[in-house]
Every structure is written in C-alpha cells, then in structure tokens.
Amino acid sequence: MIYFRVSKYNPIYRNEEGYYLKDDWLDFSDVGHSNSGELLTMEKYIETESAYVNVALDTARILNVKTLQLKMVERHNDEELGNFFGMHPDIDLKNDKEIEFGLFDEILRLLLRGAFWAKLVSERLEIHFGYDYYMYIGVIEKLVEAKSIPEKHGLFIENRTSPYIESEDDMEEEYDSDD
C-alpha cells in the first residue's frame, strides 16, 4: 500500500518538527465553541466533514472500490451509536462487516464524529482516521488522480504514513506528493 495523510491543516503552518502552529478545532465536540475567536458552527463543521467524506468517496470511485470491510472496530457507546445524530440506526458495526458503497458516506461521518473507530479496508484501498481530524488513506497503486482529490475539496495531502499501521510489513511506501 502507498499511504498519505489528508487534513484541513495547511502544511505552511507547520514548524520544522511537523507541529501545526495555528489554533484550530480538532473534532466534532468543538461545534459551538470558538478557536482563535472563530465560532465553529454546525454548518461549518458539516462543510469540512463533507470535504473529508468526498475525498474518501472520490478515491474509492477512482479505484473502483464497491465494498470496504470494517477492521479493528472499537465501539464507544452502543446506546448512543444506534441513533447518532439522526443517522441510520441499523448499521451493524462489527469486525469483518462488509460495507457497500451506498453506506460509505454514513460510516465515514460516524467515524469522523467519533461514534466508533475502525479501519475501512479492501485489497485496493484503506481509510481510517486519527486524532485531531486526520484522515489516512492507503492505495494499492500510485494514482496521479489521487494527488488532486484533496485539493479539489479544499483539503491538503501530505506524505505521512499513519501511526495506526500494525507493523512495518504493512507499510510498503509513502505517497510521494511531488510526483
């Protein structure tokens, strides 16, 4: 797999060690709170969340991925999950559950909102999220099209491998964003 990181954080605001220097919101729980004097509204949150979802969906389309398996599922609150923000109450979230493309949007939003954690995996694509609203994508082949997808949606792509890779054997190479 070839890995890269997608985020709302412009890399020009990182220091030499890679730390993001601007004060910014980090997750769904920040809706209704201010960062650097700017209130994070639900509308602004959904706009950003949709950008992440659209990057994942566009990448799946390019790779012709029709299903993804849930791996390493961590359920946080089953009672709340069933009705999380008006989303589909009957999604079965368990390891090895195969998710059809039609449910990708909803599953991605549940993951971004912290309802549960999992990797979405196929032979050609892997998607998962880390702390501070980072999305990690692994693709089976280097795709020129993949470089332009985050920018098209107002996000940034960085040559960073996920800290959630199980072992060195899982990490073949990072996506070189200069190609």
C-alpha atoms as a PDB file:
ATOM      1  CA  MET A   1       0.000   0.000   0.000  1.00  0.00           C
ATOM      2  CA  ILE A   2       1.007   3.589  -0.604  1.00  0.00           C
ATOM      3  CA  TYR A   3      -0.054   5.873   2.261  1.00  0.00           C
ATOM      4  CA  PHE A   4      -0.787   9.551   2.662  1.00  0.00           C
ATOM      5  CA  ARG A   5      -2.482  11.851   5.149  1.00  0.00           C
ATOM      6  CA  VAL A   6      -5.316  14.221   4.323  1.00  0.00           C
ATOM      7  CA  SER A   7      -6.351  17.109   6.544  1.00  0.00           C
ATOM      8  CA  LYS A   8      -7.819  20.582   6.757  1.00  0.00           C
ATOM      9  CA  TYR A   9      -4.476  21.833   8.093  1.00  0.00           C
ATOM     10  CA  ASN A  10      -2.380  23.841   5.638  1.00  0.00           C
ATOM     11  CA  PRO A  11       1.201  22.498   5.871  1.00  0.00           C
ATOM     12  CA  ILE A  12       2.666  26.009   5.555  1.00  0.00           C
ATOM     13  CA  TYR A  13       1.657  26.491   9.213  1.00  0.00           C
ATOM     14  CA  ARG A  14       3.792  23.581  10.456  1.00  0.00           C
ATOM     15  CA  ASN A  15       7.103  24.034  12.205  1.00  0.00           C
ATOM     16  CA  GLU A  16      10.277  22.070  11.400  1.00  0.00           C
ATOM     17  CA  GLU A  17       9.102  19.158  13.572  1.00  0.00           C
ATOM     18  CA  GLY A  18       5.767  18.996  11.744  1.00  0.00           C
ATOM     19  CA  TYR A  19       3.594  20.501  14.514  1.00  0.00           C
ATOM     20  CA  TYR A  20       0.659  22.613  13.357  1.00  0.00           C
ATOM     21  CA  LEU A  21       1.059  26.092  14.833  1.00  0.00           C
ATOM     22  CA  LYS A  22      -2.391  27.628  14.357  1.00  0.00           C
ATOM     23  CA  ASP A  23      -5.174  27.218  16.907  1.00  0.00           C
ATOM     24  CA  ASP A  24      -7.930  25.245  15.166  1.00  0.00           C
ATOM     25  CA  TRP A  25     -10.818  22.962  16.076  1.00  0.00           C
ATOM     26  CA  LEU A  26      -9.976  19.270  16.432  1.00  0.00           C
ATOM     27  CA  ASP A  27     -13.193  17.254  16.385  1.00  0.00           C
ATOM     28  CA  PHE A  28     -16.992  17.205  16.416  1.00  0.00           C
ATOM     29  CA  SER A  29     -17.151  18.101  20.106  1.00  0.00           C
ATOM     30  CA  ASP A  30     -15.787  21.560  19.208  1.00  0.00           C
ATOM     31  CA  VAL A  31     -19.051  22.539  17.456  1.00  0.00           C
ATOM     32  CA  GLY A  32     -20.432  25.572  19.291  1.00  0.00           C
ATOM     33  CA  HIS A  33     -17.016  26.575  20.663  1.00  0.00           C
ATOM     34  CA  SER A  34     -14.541  29.214  19.495  1.00  0.00           C
ATOM     35  CA  ASN A  35     -10.957  28.735  18.354  1.00  0.00           C
ATOM     36  CA  SER A  36      -8.869  31.829  17.665  1.00  0.00           C
ATOM     37  CA  GLY A  37     -12.030  33.892  18.013  1.00  0.00           C
ATOM     38  CA  GLU A  38     -13.970  31.958  15.362  1.00  0.00           C
ATOM     39  CA  LEU A  39     -17.092  30.022  16.336  1.00  0.00           C
ATOM     40  CA  LEU A  40     -17.346  26.524  14.857  1.00  0.00           C
ATOM     41  CA  THR A  41     -20.952  26.276  13.708  1.00  0.00           C
ATOM     42  CA  MET A  42     -22.662  23.036  12.738  1.00  0.00           C
ATOM     43  CA  GLU A  43     -22.806  24.328   9.153  1.00  0.00           C
ATOM     44  CA  LYS A  44     -19.039  24.927   9.052  1.00  0.00           C
ATOM     45  CA  TYR A  45     -18.404  21.540  10.664  1.00  0.00           C
ATOM     46  CA  ILE A  46     -20.591  19.734   8.099  1.00  0.00           C
ATOM     47  CA  GLU A  47     -18.857  21.602   5.251  1.00  0.00           C
ATOM     48  CA  THR A  48     -15.465  20.346   6.450  1.00  0.00           C
ATOM     49  CA  GLU A  49     -16.760  16.858   7.273  1.00  0.00           C
ATOM     50  CA  SER A  50     -18.258  16.631   3.773  1.00  0.00           C
ATOM     51  CA  ALA A  51     -14.906  17.557   2.223  1.00  0.00           C
ATOM     52  CA  TYR A  52     -13.268  14.594   4.005  1.00  0.00           C
ATOM     53  CA  VAL A  53     -16.090  12.256   3.022  1.00  0.00           C
ATOM     54  CA  ASN A  54     -15.904  13.403  -0.607  1.00  0.00           C
ATOM     55  CA  VAL A  55     -12.145  12.806  -0.737  1.00  0.00           C
ATOM     56  CA  ALA A  56     -12.698   9.240   0.502  1.00  0.00           C
ATOM     57  CA  LEU A  57     -15.613   8.646  -1.895  1.00  0.00           C
ATOM     58  CA  ASP A  58     -13.731  10.043  -4.897  1.00  0.00           C
ATOM     59  CA  THR A  59     -10.709   7.870  -4.076  1.00  0.00           C
ATOM     60  CA  ALA A  60     -12.942   4.783  -3.803  1.00  0.00           C
ATOM     61  CA  ARG A  61     -14.533   5.645  -7.164  1.00  0.00           C
ATOM     62  CA  ILE A  62     -11.164   6.043  -8.899  1.00  0.00           C
ATOM     63  CA  LEU A  63     -10.086   2.656  -7.545  1.00  0.00           C
ATOM     64  CA  ASN A  64     -13.476   1.121  -8.403  1.00  0.00           C
ATOM     65  CA  VAL A  65     -13.949   0.006  -4.777  1.00  0.00           C
ATOM     66  CA  LYS A  66     -17.542  -1.134  -4.208  1.00  0.00           C
ATOM     67  CA  THR A  67     -17.191  -2.560  -0.698  1.00  0.00           C
ATOM     68  CA  LEU A  68     -14.956  -1.990   2.318  1.00  0.00           C
ATOM     69  CA  GLN A  69     -14.560  -4.211   5.360  1.00  0.00           C
ATOM     70  CA  LEU A  70     -14.602  -2.881   8.894  1.00  0.00           C
ATOM     71  CA  LYS A  71     -11.400  -3.882  10.708  1.00  0.00           C
ATOM     72  CA  MET A  72     -10.216  -3.307  14.277  1.00  0.00           C
ATOM     73  CA  VAL A  73     -13.643  -1.962  15.311  1.00  0.00           C
ATOM     74  CA  GLU A  74     -13.724  -0.099  18.622  1.00  0.00           C
ATOM     75  CA  ARG A  75     -17.247   0.705  19.747  1.00  0.00           C
ATOM     76  CA  HIS A  76     -17.550   3.579  22.169  1.00  0.00           C
ATOM     77  CA  ASN A  77     -21.204   3.937  23.090  1.00  0.00           C
ATOM     78  CA  ASP A  78     -23.599   1.402  21.565  1.00  0.00           C
ATOM     79  CA  GLU A  79     -26.650   3.056  23.101  1.00  0.00           C
ATOM     80  CA  GLU A  80     -25.857   6.442  21.557  1.00  0.00           C
ATOM     81  CA  LEU A  81     -24.495   4.961  18.343  1.00  0.00           C
ATOM     82  CA  GLY A  82     -27.840   3.496  17.295  1.00  0.00           C
ATOM     83  CA  ASN A  83     -29.255   6.961  16.850  1.00  0.00           C
ATOM     84  CA  PHE A  84     -26.108   9.050  16.414  1.00  0.00           C
ATOM     85  CA  PHE A  85     -27.172  12.440  15.060  1.00  0.00           C
ATOM     86  CA  GLY A  86     -30.135  11.001  13.175  1.00  0.00           C
ATOM     87  CA  MET A  87     -28.053   8.518  11.228  1.00  0.00           C
ATOM     88  CA  HIS A  88     -29.136   5.043  10.212  1.00  0.00           C
ATOM     89  CA  PRO A  89     -29.880   3.023  13.363  1.00  0.00           C
ATOM     90  CA  ASP A  90     -29.447  -0.448  11.842  1.00  0.00           C
ATOM     91  CA  ILE A  91     -25.833  -0.388  10.697  1.00  0.00           C
ATOM     92  CA  ASP A  92     -24.118  -3.481  12.059  1.00  0.00           C
ATOM     93  CA  LEU A  93     -20.687  -2.330  13.193  1.00  0.00           C
ATOM     94  CA  LYS A  94     -18.507  -5.348  13.831  1.00  0.00           C
ATOM     95  CA  ASN A  95     -15.155  -6.664  12.653  1.00  0.00           C
ATOM     96  CA  ASP A  96     -15.121  -8.012   9.109  1.00  0.00           C
ATOM     97  CA  LYS A  97     -18.531  -6.486   8.326  1.00  0.00           C
ATOM     98  CA  GLU A  98     -18.649  -5.665   4.620  1.00  0.00           C
ATOM     99  CA  ILE A  99     -19.932  -2.164   3.902  1.00  0.00           C
ATOM    100  CA  GLU A 100     -21.473  -1.422   0.494  1.00  0.00           C
ATOM    101  CA  PHE A 101     -20.549   1.818  -1.308  1.00  0.00           C
ATOM    102  CA  GLY A 102     -24.012   3.259  -0.606  1.00  0.00           C
ATOM    103  CA  LEU A 103     -23.214   3.302   3.144  1.00  0.00           C
ATOM    104  CA  PHE A 104     -19.666   4.698   2.876  1.00  0.00           C
ATOM    105  CA  ASP A 105     -20.862   8.287   3.412  1.00  0.00           C
ATOM    106  CA  GLU A 106     -22.715   7.439   6.603  1.00  0.00           C
ATOM    107  CA  ILE A 107     -19.960   5.233   8.031  1.00  0.00           C
ATOM    108  CA  LEU A 108     -17.318   7.882   7.302  1.00  0.00           C
ATOM    109  CA  ARG A 109     -19.390  10.530   9.107  1.00  0.00           C
ATOM    110  CA  LEU A 110     -19.847   8.238  12.122  1.00  0.00           C
ATOM    111  CA  LEU A 111     -16.081   7.728  12.232  1.00  0.00           C
ATOM    112  CA  LEU A 112     -15.336  11.446  11.882  1.00  0.00           C
ATOM    113  CA  ARG A 113     -17.785  12.260  14.686  1.00  0.00           C
ATOM    114  CA  GLY A 114     -16.133   9.735  16.987  1.00  0.00           C
ATOM    115  CA  ALA A 115     -19.122   7.387  17.289  1.00  0.00           C
ATOM    116  CA  PHE A 116     -16.726   4.458  16.846  1.00  0.00           C
ATOM    117  CA  TRP A 117     -13.279   3.747  15.410  1.00  0.00           C
ATOM    118  CA  ALA A 118     -12.326   1.291  12.677  1.00  0.00           C
ATOM    119  CA  LYS A 119     -10.289   0.886   9.562  1.00  0.00           C
ATOM    120  CA  LEU A 120     -12.156   0.616   6.265  1.00  0.00           C
ATOM    121  CA  VAL A 121     -10.209  -1.884   4.183  1.00  0.00           C
ATOM    122  CA  SER A 122     -10.232  -3.548   0.768  1.00  0.00           C
ATOM    123  CA  GLU A 123      -7.484  -5.021  -1.384  1.00  0.00           C
ATOM    124  CA  ARG A 124      -7.115  -1.662  -3.162  1.00  0.00           C
ATOM    125  CA  LEU A 125      -7.949   0.929  -0.501  1.00  0.00           C
ATOM    126  CA  GLU A 126      -7.635   1.592   3.231  1.00  0.00           C
ATOM    127  CA  ILE A 127      -9.166   4.556   5.067  1.00  0.00           C
ATOM    128  CA  HIS A 128      -9.070   5.429   8.737  1.00  0.00           C
ATOM    129  CA  PHE A 129      -8.950   8.472  10.980  1.00  0.00           C
ATOM    130  CA  GLY A 130      -6.573   9.605  13.679  1.00  0.00           C
ATOM    131  CA  TYR A 131      -6.640  12.184  16.407  1.00  0.00           C
ATOM    132  CA  ASP A 132      -7.077  15.859  15.570  1.00  0.00           C
ATOM    133  CA  TYR A 133      -9.152  15.217  12.441  1.00  0.00           C
ATOM    134  CA  TYR A 134      -6.539  13.475  10.296  1.00  0.00           C
ATOM    135  CA  MET A 135      -7.575  11.022   7.580  1.00  0.00           C
ATOM    136  CA  TYR A 136      -5.132   8.347   6.468  1.00  0.00           C
ATOM    137  CA  ILE A 137      -5.530   6.744   3.067  1.00  0.00           C
ATOM    138  CA  GLY A 138      -3.671   3.775   1.652  1.00  0.00           C
ATOM    139  CA  VAL A 139      -3.965   2.866  -2.016  1.00  0.00           C
ATOM    140  CA  ILE A 140      -2.655  -0.216  -3.773  1.00  0.00           C
ATOM    141  CA  GLU A 141      -1.112   1.758  -6.613  1.00  0.00           C
ATOM    142  CA  LYS A 142       0.241   5.230  -7.092  1.00  0.00           C
ATOM    143  CA  LEU A 143      -2.513   7.253  -8.715  1.00  0.00           C
ATOM    144  CA  VAL A 144      -1.826  10.643 -10.242  1.00  0.00           C
ATOM    145  CA  GLU A 145      -5.535  11.425  -9.766  1.00  0.00           C
ATOM    146  CA  ALA A 146      -5.281  10.840  -6.007  1.00  0.00           C
ATOM    147  CA  LYS A 147      -2.969  13.843  -5.604  1.00  0.00           C
ATOM    148  CA  SER A 148      -5.574  16.302  -6.832  1.00  0.00           C
ATOM    149  CA  ILE A 149      -8.600  14.964  -4.918  1.00  0.00           C
ATOM    150  CA  PRO A 150      -7.942  16.620  -1.507  1.00  0.00           C
ATOM    151  CA  GLU A 151      -7.150  19.986  -3.092  1.00  0.00           C
ATOM    152  CA  LYS A 152     -10.351  19.789  -5.165  1.00  0.00           C
ATOM    153  CA  HIS A 153     -12.252  19.595  -1.873  1.00  0.00           C
ATOM    154  CA  GLY A 154     -10.226  22.295  -0.066  1.00  0.00           C
ATOM    155  CA  LEU A 155      -8.068  19.857   1.922  1.00  0.00           C
ATOM    156  CA  PHE A 156      -4.340  19.120   1.973  1.00  0.00           C
ATOM    157  CA  ILE A 157      -2.394  15.957   1.182  1.00  0.00           C
ATOM    158  CA  GLU A 158       0.861  15.195   2.990  1.00  0.00           C
ATOM    159  CA  ASN A 159       3.444  12.474   2.639  1.00  0.00           C
ATOM    160  CA  ARG A 160       2.783  10.914   6.045  1.00  0.00           C
ATOM    161  CA  THR A 161       2.168   7.322   6.953  1.00  0.00           C
ATOM    162  CA  SER A 162      -0.486   6.520   9.505  1.00  0.00           C
ATOM    163  CA  PRO A 163       0.616   5.907  13.082  1.00  0.00           C
ATOM    164  CA  TYR A 164      -2.050   3.178  13.099  1.00  0.00           C
ATOM    165  CA  ILE A 165      -0.223   0.815  10.754  1.00  0.00           C
ATOM    166  CA  GLU A 166       0.012  -2.521  12.539  1.00  0.00           C
ATOM    167  CA  SER A 167       3.597  -3.322  11.592  1.00  0.00           C
ATOM    168  CA  GLU A 168       6.467  -2.305   9.360  1.00  0.00           C
ATOM    169  CA  ASP A 169       5.390  -5.078   6.966  1.00  0.00           C
ATOM    170  CA  ASP A 170       2.113  -3.216   6.408  1.00  0.00           C
ATOM    171  CA  MET A 171       3.982  -0.076   5.364  1.00  0.00           C
ATOM    172  CA  GLU A 172       5.412  -0.536   1.889  1.00  0.00           C
ATOM    173  CA  GLU A 173       5.899   3.106   0.980  1.00  0.00           C
ATOM    174  CA  GLU A 174       4.531   6.573   1.479  1.00  0.00           C
ATOM    175  CA  TYR A 175       2.807   8.556  -1.196  1.00  0.00           C
ATOM    176  CA  ASP A 176       5.280  10.996  -2.730  1.00  0.00           C
ATOM    177  CA  SER A 177       3.265  14.178  -3.140  1.00  0.00           C
ATOM    178  CA  ASP A 178       5.859  15.669  -5.507  1.00  0.00           C
ATOM    179  CA  ASP A 179       5.152  13.178  -8.321  1.00  0.00           C
END
